[in-house]
Amino acid sequence: MPDPAVKEKARQMFVENGLSMESILTTLSGEVSRKTLYNWRNEEDWIAQRKARFEKNLKLRDRLEALLERAIQEAEANLTAANLFAVGKAMEALRKAGHVDFSDEKAERDANLKQGFSKENLEKIEKQFNIL
């Protein structure tokens, strides 16, 4: 009889992590047979569990995006530190949930860091912020 911990691990890999049955078989090589794994999936309806989890995550993303939109609107209407903080927190929640891709921001930041504090960059900063 297979270990219940192996069954739970396989369920998590399929339902929560979205791995394919073949990937799970490869990862759990020697711990569970193909037939047993497929029986578990069918008996406990892992496919429905996976779908429900996916739909829940979509709803969460939609709610976070709506929250971010409201926070941005409020910050635009009433620019306060608290409203800016709310925007930042909503963005961070989306980022942590993996629903927002900030790769353009990161690429720009990395490019700026590579440039360093050259004379030209300092002049650009001074001009942008009306310093001197």
C-alpha atoms as a PDB file:
ATOM      1  CA  MET A   1       0.000   0.000   0.000  1.00  0.00           C
ATOM      2  CA  PRO A   2       1.493   3.364  -1.026  1.00  0.00           C
ATOM      3  CA  ASP A   3       2.402   5.869   1.652  1.00  0.00           C
ATOM      4  CA  PRO A   4      -0.393   8.450   2.310  1.00  0.00           C
ATOM      5  CA  ALA A   5       2.268  11.172   2.312  1.00  0.00           C
ATOM      6  CA  VAL A   6       3.182  10.216  -1.263  1.00  0.00           C
ATOM      7  CA  LYS A   7      -0.486  10.432  -2.255  1.00  0.00           C
ATOM      8  CA  GLU A   8      -0.804  13.906  -0.718  1.00  0.00           C
ATOM      9  CA  LYS A   9       2.425  15.031  -2.360  1.00  0.00           C
ATOM     10  CA  ALA A  10       1.178  13.794  -5.742  1.00  0.00           C
ATOM     11  CA  ARG A  11      -2.172  15.560  -5.217  1.00  0.00           C
ATOM     12  CA  GLN A  12      -0.429  18.836  -4.377  1.00  0.00           C
ATOM     13  CA  MET A  13       1.820  18.525  -7.407  1.00  0.00           C
ATOM     14  CA  PHE A  14      -1.185  17.981  -9.683  1.00  0.00           C
ATOM     15  CA  VAL A  15      -3.831  20.245  -8.117  1.00  0.00           C
ATOM     16  CA  GLU A  16      -1.796  23.094  -6.629  1.00  0.00           C
ATOM     17  CA  ASN A  17       1.331  23.165  -8.779  1.00  0.00           C
ATOM     18  CA  GLY A  18      -0.315  22.173 -12.070  1.00  0.00           C
ATOM     19  CA  LEU A  19       2.200  19.478 -12.945  1.00  0.00           C
ATOM     20  CA  SER A  20       1.352  16.871 -15.555  1.00  0.00           C
ATOM     21  CA  MET A  21       0.894  13.246 -14.598  1.00  0.00           C
ATOM     22  CA  GLU A  22       4.103  12.377 -16.437  1.00  0.00           C
ATOM     23  CA  SER A  23       6.060  14.980 -14.477  1.00  0.00           C
ATOM     24  CA  ILE A  24       4.658  13.635 -11.225  1.00  0.00           C
ATOM     25  CA  LEU A  25       5.572  10.080 -12.209  1.00  0.00           C
ATOM     26  CA  THR A  26       9.109  11.187 -13.016  1.00  0.00           C
ATOM     27  CA  THR A  27       9.452  13.121  -9.756  1.00  0.00           C
ATOM     28  CA  LEU A  28       8.019  10.310  -7.649  1.00  0.00           C
ATOM     29  CA  SER A  29       9.843   7.598  -9.573  1.00  0.00           C
ATOM     30  CA  GLY A  30       9.743   4.346  -7.619  1.00  0.00           C
ATOM     31  CA  GLU A  31       7.334   5.711  -4.992  1.00  0.00           C
ATOM     32  CA  VAL A  32       4.086   5.171  -6.907  1.00  0.00           C
ATOM     33  CA  SER A  33       3.033   3.258  -9.999  1.00  0.00           C
ATOM     34  CA  ARG A  34       1.392   4.861 -13.005  1.00  0.00           C
ATOM     35  CA  LYS A  35      -1.835   2.901 -12.410  1.00  0.00           C
ATOM     36  CA  THR A  36      -2.035   3.942  -8.754  1.00  0.00           C
ATOM     37  CA  LEU A  37      -1.397   7.589  -9.589  1.00  0.00           C
ATOM     38  CA  TYR A  38      -4.105   7.645 -12.249  1.00  0.00           C
ATOM     39  CA  ASN A  39      -6.501   5.820  -9.879  1.00  0.00           C
ATOM     40  CA  TRP A  40      -5.922   8.474  -7.208  1.00  0.00           C
ATOM     41  CA  ARG A  41      -6.535  11.239  -9.727  1.00  0.00           C
ATOM     42  CA  ASN A  42      -9.801   9.688 -10.897  1.00  0.00           C
ATOM     43  CA  GLU A  43     -11.118   8.516  -7.503  1.00  0.00           C
ATOM     44  CA  GLU A  44     -10.595  11.890  -5.809  1.00  0.00           C
ATOM     45  CA  ASP A  45     -11.388  13.973  -8.898  1.00  0.00           C
ATOM     46  CA  TRP A  46      -8.129  15.901  -8.875  1.00  0.00           C
ATOM     47  CA  ILE A  47      -9.080  17.450 -12.218  1.00  0.00           C
ATOM     48  CA  ALA A  48     -12.118  19.171 -10.668  1.00  0.00           C
ATOM     49  CA  GLN A  49      -9.983  20.260  -7.702  1.00  0.00           C
ATOM     50  CA  ARG A  50      -7.391  21.732 -10.054  1.00  0.00           C
ATOM     51  CA  LYS A  51     -10.067  23.553 -12.053  1.00  0.00           C
ATOM     52  CA  ALA A  52     -11.670  24.965  -8.888  1.00  0.00           C
ATOM     53  CA  ARG A  53      -8.302  26.186  -7.645  1.00  0.00           C
ATOM     54  CA  PHE A  54      -7.567  27.817 -11.007  1.00  0.00           C
ATOM     55  CA  GLU A  55     -10.956  29.569 -11.052  1.00  0.00           C
ATOM     56  CA  LYS A  56     -10.468  30.763  -7.480  1.00  0.00           C
ATOM     57  CA  ASN A  57      -7.089  32.230  -8.444  1.00  0.00           C
ATOM     58  CA  LEU A  58      -8.657  33.998 -11.428  1.00  0.00           C
ATOM     59  CA  LYS A  59     -11.312  35.521  -9.184  1.00  0.00           C
ATOM     60  CA  LEU A  60      -8.634  36.607  -6.727  1.00  0.00           C
ATOM     61  CA  ARG A  61      -6.627  38.217  -9.524  1.00  0.00           C
ATOM     62  CA  ASP A  62      -9.724  40.029 -10.782  1.00  0.00           C
ATOM     63  CA  ARG A  63     -10.449  41.305  -7.268  1.00  0.00           C
ATOM     64  CA  LEU A  64      -6.856  42.450  -6.763  1.00  0.00           C
ATOM     65  CA  GLU A  65      -6.867  44.222 -10.120  1.00  0.00           C
ATOM     66  CA  ALA A  66     -10.137  45.979  -9.233  1.00  0.00           C
ATOM     67  CA  LEU A  67      -8.693  46.953  -5.864  1.00  0.00           C
ATOM     68  CA  LEU A  68      -5.596  48.351  -7.552  1.00  0.00           C
ATOM     69  CA  GLU A  69      -7.740  50.323 -10.000  1.00  0.00           C
ATOM     70  CA  ARG A  70      -9.777  51.837  -7.156  1.00  0.00           C
ATOM     71  CA  ALA A  71      -6.608  52.676  -5.224  1.00  0.00           C
ATOM     72  CA  ILE A  72      -5.122  54.408  -8.275  1.00  0.00           C
ATOM     73  CA  GLN A  73      -8.317  56.387  -8.865  1.00  0.00           C
ATOM     74  CA  GLU A  74      -8.401  57.466  -5.233  1.00  0.00           C
ATOM     75  CA  ALA A  75      -4.731  58.454  -5.329  1.00  0.00           C
ATOM     76  CA  GLU A  76      -5.305  60.500  -8.488  1.00  0.00           C
ATOM     77  CA  ALA A  77      -8.271  62.257  -6.903  1.00  0.00           C
ATOM     78  CA  ASN A  78      -6.663  62.778  -3.507  1.00  0.00           C
ATOM     79  CA  LEU A  79      -2.894  62.482  -3.557  1.00  0.00           C
ATOM     80  CA  THR A  80      -1.906  61.536  -0.028  1.00  0.00           C
ATOM     81  CA  ALA A  81       0.772  59.299   1.418  1.00  0.00           C
ATOM     82  CA  ALA A  82      -1.898  56.850   2.578  1.00  0.00           C
ATOM     83  CA  ASN A  83      -3.390  56.593  -0.911  1.00  0.00           C
ATOM     84  CA  LEU A  84       0.015  56.096  -2.515  1.00  0.00           C
ATOM     85  CA  PHE A  85       0.764  53.435   0.082  1.00  0.00           C
ATOM     86  CA  ALA A  86      -2.513  51.677  -0.807  1.00  0.00           C
ATOM     87  CA  VAL A  87      -1.528  51.642  -4.483  1.00  0.00           C
ATOM     88  CA  GLY A  88       1.856  50.166  -3.605  1.00  0.00           C
ATOM     89  CA  LYS A  89       0.326  47.479  -1.407  1.00  0.00           C
ATOM     90  CA  ALA A  90      -2.154  46.472  -4.117  1.00  0.00           C
ATOM     91  CA  MET A  91       0.633  46.301  -6.698  1.00  0.00           C
ATOM     92  CA  GLU A  92       2.760  44.205  -4.364  1.00  0.00           C
ATOM     93  CA  ALA A  93      -0.142  41.805  -3.759  1.00  0.00           C
ATOM     94  CA  LEU A  94      -0.512  41.311  -7.500  1.00  0.00           C
ATOM     95  CA  ARG A  95       3.232  40.919  -7.914  1.00  0.00           C
ATOM     96  CA  LYS A  96       3.421  38.300  -5.149  1.00  0.00           C
ATOM     97  CA  ALA A  97       0.477  36.458  -6.611  1.00  0.00           C
ATOM     98  CA  GLY A  98       2.400  36.307  -9.871  1.00  0.00           C
ATOM     99  CA  HIS A  99      -0.291  38.126 -11.802  1.00  0.00           C
ATOM    100  CA  VAL A 100       1.649  41.192 -12.840  1.00  0.00           C
ATOM    101  CA  ASP A 101       4.721  41.195 -15.003  1.00  0.00           C
ATOM    102  CA  PHE A 102       7.066  44.033 -14.154  1.00  0.00           C
ATOM    103  CA  SER A 103       9.788  42.839 -16.529  1.00  0.00           C
ATOM    104  CA  ASP A 104       9.888  46.179 -18.404  1.00  0.00           C
ATOM    105  CA  GLU A 105      10.374  48.024 -15.119  1.00  0.00           C
ATOM    106  CA  LYS A 106      13.103  45.617 -14.074  1.00  0.00           C
ATOM    107  CA  ALA A 107      14.886  45.879 -17.406  1.00  0.00           C
ATOM    108  CA  GLU A 108      14.823  49.681 -17.214  1.00  0.00           C
ATOM    109  CA  ARG A 109      16.043  49.653 -13.615  1.00  0.00           C
ATOM    110  CA  ASP A 110      18.862  47.229 -14.483  1.00  0.00           C
ATOM    111  CA  ALA A 111      19.881  49.390 -17.452  1.00  0.00           C
ATOM    112  CA  ASN A 112      19.934  52.476 -15.210  1.00  0.00           C
ATOM    113  CA  LEU A 113      22.013  50.690 -12.602  1.00  0.00           C
ATOM    114  CA  LYS A 114      24.544  49.673 -15.239  1.00  0.00           C
ATOM    115  CA  GLN A 115      24.917  53.303 -16.293  1.00  0.00           C
ATOM    116  CA  GLY A 116      25.839  54.310 -12.773  1.00  0.00           C
ATOM    117  CA  PHE A 117      26.345  57.931 -11.665  1.00  0.00           C
ATOM    118  CA  SER A 118      28.102  59.308 -14.679  1.00  0.00           C
ATOM    119  CA  LYS A 119      28.283  63.045 -15.197  1.00  0.00           C
ATOM    120  CA  GLU A 120      25.601  62.781 -17.896  1.00  0.00           C
ATOM    121  CA  ASN A 121      23.266  60.783 -15.639  1.00  0.00           C
ATOM    122  CA  LEU A 122      23.651  63.234 -12.795  1.00  0.00           C
ATOM    123  CA  GLU A 123      22.869  66.114 -15.158  1.00  0.00           C
ATOM    124  CA  LYS A 124      19.732  64.278 -16.346  1.00  0.00           C
ATOM    125  CA  ILE A 125      18.623  63.780 -12.741  1.00  0.00           C
ATOM    126  CA  GLU A 126      19.286  67.428 -11.886  1.00  0.00           C
ATOM    127  CA  LYS A 127      17.348  68.553 -14.933  1.00  0.00           C
ATOM    128  CA  GLN A 128      14.449  66.183 -14.261  1.00  0.00           C
ATOM    129  CA  PHE A 129      14.062  67.354 -10.670  1.00  0.00           C
ATOM    130  CA  ASN A 130      14.918  71.011 -11.353  1.00  0.00           C
ATOM    131  CA  ILE A 131      17.963  70.901  -9.129  1.00  0.00           C
ATOM    132  CA  LEU A 132      20.372  73.774  -9.664  1.00  0.00           C
END
